Protein backbone atom coordinates (compact mmCIF):
# COMPACT_ATOMS: atom_id res chain seq x y z
CA MET A 1 181.36 130.82 51.20
CA ALA A 2 181.42 128.82 48.00
CA GLN A 3 182.27 130.59 44.71
CA ASN A 4 179.95 130.19 41.74
CA PRO A 5 181.83 127.85 39.35
CA ASN A 6 180.01 129.34 36.31
CA VAL A 7 181.44 132.73 37.07
CA ASP A 8 185.01 131.36 37.37
CA GLU A 9 184.68 129.47 34.11
CA ALA A 10 183.29 132.47 32.34
CA MET A 11 186.20 134.61 33.48
CA GLU A 12 188.68 131.99 32.24
CA GLN A 13 187.17 131.77 28.76
CA GLU A 14 188.71 134.06 26.18
CA GLU A 15 186.44 136.33 24.09
CA MET A 16 185.76 134.41 20.83
CA THR A 17 185.86 136.45 17.61
CA VAL A 18 184.80 135.78 14.05
CA THR A 19 186.07 137.67 10.93
CA LEU A 20 183.26 138.16 8.39
CA THR A 21 183.94 138.81 4.73
CA LEU A 22 181.23 141.16 3.54
CA ASP A 23 179.64 141.36 0.10
CA ASP A 24 181.94 144.17 -0.90
CA GLY A 25 185.03 142.08 0.05
CA SER A 26 185.83 144.04 3.19
CA GLU A 27 186.34 142.20 6.47
CA LEU A 28 184.68 142.91 9.80
CA GLU A 29 185.76 141.42 13.09
CA CYS A 30 182.95 140.48 15.45
CA VAL A 31 182.61 139.20 18.94
CA VAL A 32 180.58 136.00 19.35
CA LEU A 33 177.83 136.95 21.73
CA THR A 34 176.18 133.49 21.88
CA ILE A 35 175.17 130.42 19.90
CA PHE A 36 171.51 129.53 20.51
CA ASP A 37 168.72 127.32 19.30
CA ALA A 38 165.61 128.51 17.47
CA GLY A 39 163.22 126.07 15.92
CA GLU A 40 165.16 123.11 14.59
CA ARG A 41 168.49 124.85 13.98
CA GLU A 42 171.40 126.64 15.72
CA TYR A 43 172.18 130.31 15.21
CA ILE A 44 174.91 132.67 16.18
CA ALA A 45 174.78 136.23 17.27
CA LEU A 46 177.75 138.51 16.43
CA LEU A 47 178.53 141.94 17.57
CA PRO A 48 180.90 144.08 15.33
CA MET A 49 183.99 145.28 17.29
CA GLU A 50 184.52 148.55 15.36
CA GLY A 51 182.89 150.84 12.96
CA GLU A 52 179.40 152.32 12.77
CA GLU A 53 177.73 149.02 13.36
CA ALA A 54 179.66 148.55 16.68
CA GLU A 55 178.64 152.12 17.85
CA GLU A 56 175.04 151.46 17.21
CA GLY A 57 175.18 148.00 18.91
CA GLU A 58 173.92 146.24 15.67
CA VAL A 59 173.95 142.48 16.14
CA TYR A 60 174.21 140.12 13.15
CA LEU A 61 172.37 136.77 13.18
CA TYR A 62 173.47 133.86 11.12
CA ARG A 63 172.63 130.13 10.74
CA TYR A 64 175.34 128.19 12.56
CA SER A 65 176.52 124.59 12.01
CA GLU A 66 179.64 122.48 12.41
CA ASP A 67 180.93 119.79 10.07
CA ALA A 68 182.05 116.39 11.23
CA GLU A 69 185.51 117.78 12.20
CA GLY A 70 183.85 120.51 14.34
CA ASN A 71 184.68 123.37 11.87
CA PRO A 72 182.06 126.12 12.12
CA SER A 73 180.00 127.33 9.18
CA LEU A 74 177.81 130.41 8.96
CA GLU A 75 174.93 130.91 6.50
CA ASN A 76 172.82 133.94 5.77
CA ILE A 77 169.20 133.77 6.85
CA GLU A 78 167.44 134.47 3.55
CA ASP A 79 163.78 133.86 4.63
CA ASP A 80 161.91 136.74 6.40
CA ASP A 81 159.83 134.38 8.48
CA GLU A 82 162.91 132.38 9.62
CA TYR A 83 164.65 135.69 10.50
CA GLU A 84 161.69 136.83 12.59
CA ILE A 85 161.71 133.53 14.56
CA VAL A 86 165.48 133.85 15.13
CA ALA A 87 165.34 137.57 16.15
CA ASP A 88 162.50 136.82 18.51
CA ALA A 89 164.37 134.01 20.11
CA PHE A 90 167.52 136.15 20.45
CA ASP A 91 165.43 138.94 22.06
CA GLN A 92 163.95 136.50 24.48
CA LEU A 93 167.41 135.21 25.35
CA LEU A 94 168.43 138.78 26.16
CA ASP A 95 165.38 139.38 28.18
CA ASP A 96 165.98 136.19 30.19
CA GLN A 97 169.55 137.07 30.72
CA GLU A 98 168.75 140.62 31.93
CA TYR A 99 166.10 139.16 34.26
CA ASP A 100 168.65 136.68 35.63
CA GLU A 101 171.21 139.58 36.15
CA LEU A 102 168.54 141.61 37.97
CA ILE A 103 167.64 138.72 40.22
CA GLY A 104 171.27 138.05 40.87
CA GLU A 105 171.83 141.65 41.91
CA ASP A 106 168.87 141.53 44.30
CA ASP A 107 170.31 138.33 45.92
CA ALA A 108 173.66 140.03 46.48
CA GLU A 109 172.17 142.90 48.53
């Protein structure tokens, strides 16, 4: 039986984290859930690793880009309409992933 190479690759990848500096100067370490496209831009979804936000499962969404050297940059999403588009795209991504996992479980039985 052939193994799924995507599963092997995912297991080999380390969990990527980002440290955010908040408006009050405090720092919050977050797990990178995914980088995804919405509209004409890329966005990143971050999940705090500790604190009240982590317990509530609050996800932070930011604009994501890389400079010519590949250094990442995060920007706040200031526009409500843009945020709605990004949040909807992230929700759809979660729905698709959950559906894929359900189908995968059915295939395994």
